[in-house]
């Protein structure tokens, strides 16, 4: 019995408006991010799900809130869905880091898994914990439809892991997940997955 996971990146934050890495920093949504969250809520009202799971970071919980309100559900927080820790680049842009340390920035661009930012979480470990979180959610809702609100880098790493794509390719294969857009993932009982859609807007 397959389970459908509807993956959504949280709405825009103050840092993401400037393309700054937020990571594990608990940054709030912008007005645009709140509008994106309301759009996700309207989408959920028209495409009901059985449960809503989120990262514990407030930007993900706030993004899920309109959908939960529309469906009469409580968000279920999964620690394994928290964003990657980006170490010294938290709150900074890649361009700022590159100006300071061009060699390490070039190594990151070439293979962000083999050469993460200084002080960052091991991307391979993040992919493993994120994939395990999605498998736990799948096990809790066999045959169901579940909205999962999490983060750009973590979800891209997890998609690579579940789809047997080398994780070091995540920035090339999945350039970005759009804020509050839906990516549909079919999860099978054996832990394998199929990606049915990517970055589908909630509203035109």
C-alpha atoms as a PDB file:
ATOM      1  CA  UNK A   1       0.000   0.000   0.000  1.00  0.00           C
ATOM      2  CA  UNK A   2       1.611   3.248  -1.113  1.00  0.00           C
ATOM      3  CA  UNK A   3       1.524   6.536   0.766  1.00  0.00           C
ATOM      4  CA  UNK A   4       1.480   9.930  -0.946  1.00  0.00           C
ATOM      5  CA  UNK A   5       3.702  12.584   0.602  1.00  0.00           C
ATOM      6  CA  UNK A   6       3.048  16.130  -0.555  1.00  0.00           C
ATOM      7  CA  UNK A   7       6.297  17.945   0.155  1.00  0.00           C
ATOM      8  CA  UNK A   8       6.313  21.719   0.575  1.00  0.00           C
ATOM      9  CA  UNK A   9       9.147  24.073   1.373  1.00  0.00           C
ATOM     10  CA  UNK A  10       8.174  26.719   3.943  1.00  0.00           C
ATOM     11  CA  UNK A  11       7.270  30.256   2.874  1.00  0.00           C
ATOM     12  CA  UNK A  12       9.790  32.996   2.221  1.00  0.00           C
ATOM     13  CA  UNK A  13      11.750  34.348   5.196  1.00  0.00           C
ATOM     14  CA  UNK A  14      13.592  37.615   5.696  1.00  0.00           C
ATOM     15  CA  UNK A  15      16.906  35.902   4.969  1.00  0.00           C
ATOM     16  CA  UNK A  16      15.677  33.964   1.952  1.00  0.00           C
ATOM     17  CA  UNK A  17      14.482  37.179   0.328  1.00  0.00           C
ATOM     18  CA  UNK A  18      18.212  38.008   0.099  1.00  0.00           C
ATOM     19  CA  UNK A  19      19.245  34.387  -0.619  1.00  0.00           C
ATOM     20  CA  UNK A  20      20.888  34.018   2.791  1.00  0.00           C
ATOM     21  CA  UNK A  21      21.299  30.577   4.324  1.00  0.00           C
ATOM     22  CA  UNK A  22      18.862  30.191   7.230  1.00  0.00           C
ATOM     23  CA  UNK A  23      19.698  26.623   8.213  1.00  0.00           C
ATOM     24  CA  UNK A  24      18.889  25.906  11.849  1.00  0.00           C
ATOM     25  CA  UNK A  25      18.460  29.610  12.667  1.00  0.00           C
ATOM     26  CA  UNK A  26      14.814  30.214  13.577  1.00  0.00           C
ATOM     27  CA  UNK A  27      13.918  32.981  11.132  1.00  0.00           C
ATOM     28  CA  UNK A  28      10.361  34.247  10.701  1.00  0.00           C
ATOM     29  CA  UNK A  29       8.317  34.585   7.521  1.00  0.00           C
ATOM     30  CA  UNK A  30       8.027  37.759   5.478  1.00  0.00           C
ATOM     31  CA  UNK A  31       4.650  39.138   4.388  1.00  0.00           C
ATOM     32  CA  UNK A  32       5.254  37.281   1.115  1.00  0.00           C
ATOM     33  CA  UNK A  33       5.948  34.107   3.070  1.00  0.00           C
ATOM     34  CA  UNK A  34       2.724  34.481   5.028  1.00  0.00           C
ATOM     35  CA  UNK A  35       0.794  34.992   1.768  1.00  0.00           C
ATOM     36  CA  UNK A  36       2.417  31.830   0.386  1.00  0.00           C
ATOM     37  CA  UNK A  37       1.324  29.985   3.515  1.00  0.00           C
ATOM     38  CA  UNK A  38      -2.261  31.129   3.062  1.00  0.00           C
ATOM     39  CA  UNK A  39      -2.135  29.931  -0.550  1.00  0.00           C
ATOM     40  CA  UNK A  40      -0.955  26.543   0.691  1.00  0.00           C
ATOM     41  CA  UNK A  41      -3.900  26.537   3.087  1.00  0.00           C
ATOM     42  CA  UNK A  42      -6.322  27.171   0.235  1.00  0.00           C
ATOM     43  CA  UNK A  43      -4.681  24.375  -1.745  1.00  0.00           C
ATOM     44  CA  UNK A  44      -5.084  21.996   1.203  1.00  0.00           C
ATOM     45  CA  UNK A  45      -8.761  22.901   1.534  1.00  0.00           C
ATOM     46  CA  UNK A  46      -9.244  21.835  -2.098  1.00  0.00           C
ATOM     47  CA  UNK A  47      -6.933  18.791  -1.880  1.00  0.00           C
ATOM     48  CA  UNK A  48      -7.502  17.372   1.633  1.00  0.00           C
ATOM     49  CA  UNK A  49      -4.836  15.328   3.364  1.00  0.00           C
ATOM     50  CA  UNK A  50      -4.968  12.936   6.305  1.00  0.00           C
ATOM     51  CA  UNK A  51      -2.223  14.607   8.329  1.00  0.00           C
ATOM     52  CA  UNK A  52       0.231  17.499   8.338  1.00  0.00           C
ATOM     53  CA  UNK A  53       3.812  17.018   9.492  1.00  0.00           C
ATOM     54  CA  UNK A  54       6.388  19.797   9.815  1.00  0.00           C
ATOM     55  CA  UNK A  55       9.929  20.582  10.741  1.00  0.00           C
ATOM     56  CA  UNK A  56      10.037  21.966  14.300  1.00  0.00           C
ATOM     57  CA  UNK A  57      11.445  25.302  13.083  1.00  0.00           C
ATOM     58  CA  UNK A  58       8.891  28.103  13.355  1.00  0.00           C
ATOM     59  CA  UNK A  59       8.982  29.054   9.677  1.00  0.00           C
ATOM     60  CA  UNK A  60       7.789  25.557   8.745  1.00  0.00           C
ATOM     61  CA  UNK A  61       5.155  25.400  11.488  1.00  0.00           C
ATOM     62  CA  UNK A  62       3.816  28.837  10.491  1.00  0.00           C
ATOM     63  CA  UNK A  63       3.657  27.770   6.842  1.00  0.00           C
ATOM     64  CA  UNK A  64       1.624  24.687   7.761  1.00  0.00           C
ATOM     65  CA  UNK A  65      -0.780  26.557  10.057  1.00  0.00           C
ATOM     66  CA  UNK A  66      -3.293  27.743   7.399  1.00  0.00           C
ATOM     67  CA  UNK A  67      -3.530  24.209   5.974  1.00  0.00           C
ATOM     68  CA  UNK A  68      -4.112  22.781   9.446  1.00  0.00           C
ATOM     69  CA  UNK A  69      -6.744  25.428  10.133  1.00  0.00           C
ATOM     70  CA  UNK A  70      -8.526  24.676   6.845  1.00  0.00           C
ATOM     71  CA  UNK A  71      -8.585  20.942   7.524  1.00  0.00           C
ATOM     72  CA  UNK A  72      -9.112  20.949  11.295  1.00  0.00           C
ATOM     73  CA  UNK A  73      -5.793  19.185  11.870  1.00  0.00           C
ATOM     74  CA  UNK A  74      -2.968  19.724  14.334  1.00  0.00           C
ATOM     75  CA  UNK A  75       0.574  19.907  12.928  1.00  0.00           C
ATOM     76  CA  UNK A  76       2.784  17.017  13.968  1.00  0.00           C
ATOM     77  CA  UNK A  77       6.411  18.042  14.431  1.00  0.00           C
ATOM     78  CA  UNK A  78       9.200  15.734  13.284  1.00  0.00           C
ATOM     79  CA  UNK A  79      12.714  16.659  14.515  1.00  0.00           C
ATOM     80  CA  UNK A  80      14.263  14.739  11.632  1.00  0.00           C
ATOM     81  CA  UNK A  81      12.855  17.306   9.198  1.00  0.00           C
ATOM     82  CA  UNK A  82      14.852  20.247  10.550  1.00  0.00           C
ATOM     83  CA  UNK A  83      17.018  22.044   7.988  1.00  0.00           C
ATOM     84  CA  UNK A  84      20.738  21.350   7.673  1.00  0.00           C
ATOM     85  CA  UNK A  85      23.072  23.395   9.851  1.00  0.00           C
ATOM     86  CA  UNK A  86      25.196  25.489   7.469  1.00  0.00           C
ATOM     87  CA  UNK A  87      27.927  26.340   9.957  1.00  0.00           C
ATOM     88  CA  UNK A  88      29.792  29.583   9.269  1.00  0.00           C
ATOM     89  CA  UNK A  89      27.437  30.473   6.400  1.00  0.00           C
ATOM     90  CA  UNK A  90      24.282  30.715   8.545  1.00  0.00           C
ATOM     91  CA  UNK A  91      22.820  34.163   7.881  1.00  0.00           C
ATOM     92  CA  UNK A  92      25.194  34.823   4.975  1.00  0.00           C
ATOM     93  CA  UNK A  93      25.051  34.451   1.209  1.00  0.00           C
ATOM     94  CA  UNK A  94      27.271  32.156  -0.826  1.00  0.00           C
ATOM     95  CA  UNK A  95      28.694  35.252  -2.542  1.00  0.00           C
ATOM     96  CA  UNK A  96      29.760  36.703   0.824  1.00  0.00           C
ATOM     97  CA  UNK A  97      31.455  33.439   1.768  1.00  0.00           C
ATOM     98  CA  UNK A  98      33.108  33.247  -1.652  1.00  0.00           C
ATOM     99  CA  UNK A  99      34.614  36.722  -1.229  1.00  0.00           C
ATOM    100  CA  UNK A 100      36.140  35.571   2.061  1.00  0.00           C
ATOM    101  CA  UNK A 101      37.238  32.056   1.063  1.00  0.00           C
ATOM    102  CA  UNK A 102      37.092  31.525  -2.714  1.00  0.00           C
ATOM    103  CA  UNK A 103      38.790  28.107  -2.652  1.00  0.00           C
ATOM    104  CA  UNK A 104      36.333  26.566  -0.195  1.00  0.00           C
ATOM    105  CA  UNK A 105      33.419  28.166  -2.000  1.00  0.00           C
ATOM    106  CA  UNK A 106      34.634  26.653  -5.282  1.00  0.00           C
ATOM    107  CA  UNK A 107      34.955  23.237  -3.622  1.00  0.00           C
ATOM    108  CA  UNK A 108      31.394  23.552  -2.293  1.00  0.00           C
ATOM    109  CA  UNK A 109      30.083  24.465  -5.731  1.00  0.00           C
ATOM    110  CA  UNK A 110      31.846  21.446  -7.252  1.00  0.00           C
ATOM    111  CA  UNK A 111      30.531  18.961  -4.671  1.00  0.00           C
ATOM    112  CA  UNK A 112      28.521  20.358  -1.741  1.00  0.00           C
ATOM    113  CA  UNK A 113      28.359  16.962  -0.010  1.00  0.00           C
ATOM    114  CA  UNK A 114      32.085  16.202  -0.140  1.00  0.00           C
ATOM    115  CA  UNK A 115      32.970  19.812   0.715  1.00  0.00           C
ATOM    116  CA  UNK A 116      30.326  21.319   3.049  1.00  0.00           C
ATOM    117  CA  UNK A 117      30.804  24.724   4.655  1.00  0.00           C
ATOM    118  CA  UNK A 118      33.099  24.906   7.702  1.00  0.00           C
ATOM    119  CA  UNK A 119      31.212  23.904  10.839  1.00  0.00           C
ATOM    120  CA  UNK A 120      28.231  22.613   8.844  1.00  0.00           C
ATOM    121  CA  UNK A 121      26.303  19.412   9.448  1.00  0.00           C
ATOM    122  CA  UNK A 122      27.501  16.461   7.379  1.00  0.00           C
ATOM    123  CA  UNK A 123      25.107  16.525   4.374  1.00  0.00           C
ATOM    124  CA  UNK A 124      25.170  12.743   4.117  1.00  0.00           C
ATOM    125  CA  UNK A 125      24.019  12.436   7.725  1.00  0.00           C
ATOM    126  CA  UNK A 126      21.319  15.053   7.100  1.00  0.00           C
ATOM    127  CA  UNK A 127      20.063  13.085   4.086  1.00  0.00           C
ATOM    128  CA  UNK A 128      19.911   9.887   6.136  1.00  0.00           C
ATOM    129  CA  UNK A 129      17.965  11.505   9.007  1.00  0.00           C
ATOM    130  CA  UNK A 130      15.583  13.233   6.607  1.00  0.00           C
ATOM    131  CA  UNK A 131      14.888  10.065   4.636  1.00  0.00           C
ATOM    132  CA  UNK A 132      14.324   8.183   7.885  1.00  0.00           C
ATOM    133  CA  UNK A 133      11.839  10.872   8.945  1.00  0.00           C
ATOM    134  CA  UNK A 134       9.843  10.504   5.732  1.00  0.00           C
ATOM    135  CA  UNK A 135       9.831   6.734   6.134  1.00  0.00           C
ATOM    136  CA  UNK A 136       8.524   7.106   9.714  1.00  0.00           C
ATOM    137  CA  UNK A 137       5.763   9.378   8.464  1.00  0.00           C
ATOM    138  CA  UNK A 138       4.953   6.889   5.723  1.00  0.00           C
ATOM    139  CA  UNK A 139       4.718   4.097   8.298  1.00  0.00           C
ATOM    140  CA  UNK A 140       2.308   6.170  10.382  1.00  0.00           C
ATOM    141  CA  UNK A 141      -0.055   6.716   7.422  1.00  0.00           C
ATOM    142  CA  UNK A 142      -0.132   3.608   5.207  1.00  0.00           C
ATOM    143  CA  UNK A 143      -2.130   4.379   2.078  1.00  0.00           C
ATOM    144  CA  UNK A 144      -2.701   7.970   3.182  1.00  0.00           C
ATOM    145  CA  UNK A 145      -2.038  11.462   1.843  1.00  0.00           C
ATOM    146  CA  UNK A 146       0.233  13.562   4.016  1.00  0.00           C
ATOM    147  CA  UNK A 147       1.397  17.181   3.712  1.00  0.00           C
ATOM    148  CA  UNK A 148       5.012  17.565   4.847  1.00  0.00           C
ATOM    149  CA  UNK A 149       6.411  21.086   5.327  1.00  0.00           C
ATOM    150  CA  UNK A 150      10.172  21.270   5.597  1.00  0.00           C
ATOM    151  CA  UNK A 151      13.219  22.919   4.005  1.00  0.00           C
ATOM    152  CA  UNK A 152      14.965  23.470   0.687  1.00  0.00           C
ATOM    153  CA  UNK A 153      18.324  21.781   1.173  1.00  0.00           C
ATOM    154  CA  UNK A 154      17.133  18.958   3.409  1.00  0.00           C
ATOM    155  CA  UNK A 155      14.338  17.982   1.023  1.00  0.00           C
ATOM    156  CA  UNK A 156      16.662  18.079  -2.003  1.00  0.00           C
ATOM    157  CA  UNK A 157      19.164  15.833  -0.237  1.00  0.00           C
ATOM    158  CA  UNK A 158      16.380  13.465   0.800  1.00  0.00           C
ATOM    159  CA  UNK A 159      14.956  13.316  -2.712  1.00  0.00           C
ATOM    160  CA  UNK A 160      18.382  12.337  -4.036  1.00  0.00           C
ATOM    161  CA  UNK A 161      18.680   9.634  -1.374  1.00  0.00           C
ATOM    162  CA  UNK A 162      15.219   8.179  -1.996  1.00  0.00           C
ATOM    163  CA  UNK A 163      15.554   8.317  -5.800  1.00  0.00           C
ATOM    164  CA  UNK A 164      19.064   6.797  -5.911  1.00  0.00           C
ATOM    165  CA  UNK A 165      20.666  10.017  -7.193  1.00  0.00           C
ATOM    166  CA  UNK A 166      24.184  10.791  -5.881  1.00  0.00           C
ATOM    167  CA  UNK A 167      23.584  13.314  -3.058  1.00  0.00           C
ATOM    168  CA  UNK A 168      26.454  15.495  -4.281  1.00  0.00           C
ATOM    169  CA  UNK A 169      24.307  16.285  -7.324  1.00  0.00           C
ATOM    170  CA  UNK A 170      21.442  17.822  -5.343  1.00  0.00           C
ATOM    171  CA  UNK A 171      22.172  21.424  -6.353  1.00  0.00           C
ATOM    172  CA  UNK A 172      22.353  20.502 -10.044  1.00  0.00           C
ATOM    173  CA  UNK A 173      19.432  18.056 -10.245  1.00  0.00           C
ATOM    174  CA  UNK A 174      17.141  20.074  -7.961  1.00  0.00           C
ATOM    175  CA  UNK A 175      18.274  23.727  -8.278  1.00  0.00           C
ATOM    176  CA  UNK A 176      15.688  24.800  -5.720  1.00  0.00           C
ATOM    177  CA  UNK A 177      12.325  23.969  -4.256  1.00  0.00           C
ATOM    178  CA  UNK A 178       9.992  26.935  -4.594  1.00  0.00           C
ATOM    179  CA  UNK A 179       8.430  28.321  -1.447  1.00  0.00           C
ATOM    180  CA  UNK A 180       5.092  26.633  -0.622  1.00  0.00           C
ATOM    181  CA  UNK A 181       4.970  24.753  -3.948  1.00  0.00           C
ATOM    182  CA  UNK A 182       4.001  21.071  -3.911  1.00  0.00           C
ATOM    183  CA  UNK A 183       6.193  18.126  -4.884  1.00  0.00           C
ATOM    184  CA  UNK A 184       4.367  14.792  -4.881  1.00  0.00           C
ATOM    185  CA  UNK A 185       6.291  11.742  -3.711  1.00  0.00           C
ATOM    186  CA  UNK A 186       4.885   8.223  -3.762  1.00  0.00           C
ATOM    187  CA  UNK A 187       6.354   6.112  -0.949  1.00  0.00           C
ATOM    188  CA  UNK A 188       6.226   2.328  -1.120  1.00  0.00           C
ATOM    189  CA  UNK A 189       6.147   0.000   1.904  1.00  0.00           C
ATOM    190  CA  UNK A 190       9.679  -1.236   1.109  1.00  0.00           C
ATOM    191  CA  UNK A 191      11.033   2.300   1.569  1.00  0.00           C
ATOM    192  CA  UNK A 192      11.490   3.043  -2.127  1.00  0.00           C
ATOM    193  CA  UNK A 193       9.989   6.149  -3.705  1.00  0.00           C
ATOM    194  CA  UNK A 194       8.807   7.691  -6.973  1.00  0.00           C
ATOM    195  CA  UNK A 195       8.667  11.421  -7.679  1.00  0.00           C
ATOM    196  CA  UNK A 196       5.388  12.249  -9.442  1.00  0.00           C
ATOM    197  CA  UNK A 197       5.647  16.040  -9.622  1.00  0.00           C
ATOM    198  CA  UNK A 198       8.004  18.840  -8.610  1.00  0.00           C
ATOM    199  CA  UNK A 199       7.440  22.492  -7.670  1.00  0.00           C
ATOM    200  CA  UNK A 200       3.745  22.638  -8.607  1.00  0.00           C
ATOM    201  CA  UNK A 201       2.382  26.063  -7.554  1.00  0.00           C
ATOM    202  CA  UNK A 202      -0.484  26.109  -5.068  1.00  0.00           C
ATOM    203  CA  UNK A 203      -2.173  28.833  -7.084  1.00  0.00           C
ATOM    204  CA  UNK A 204      -1.726  30.178 -10.632  1.00  0.00           C
END
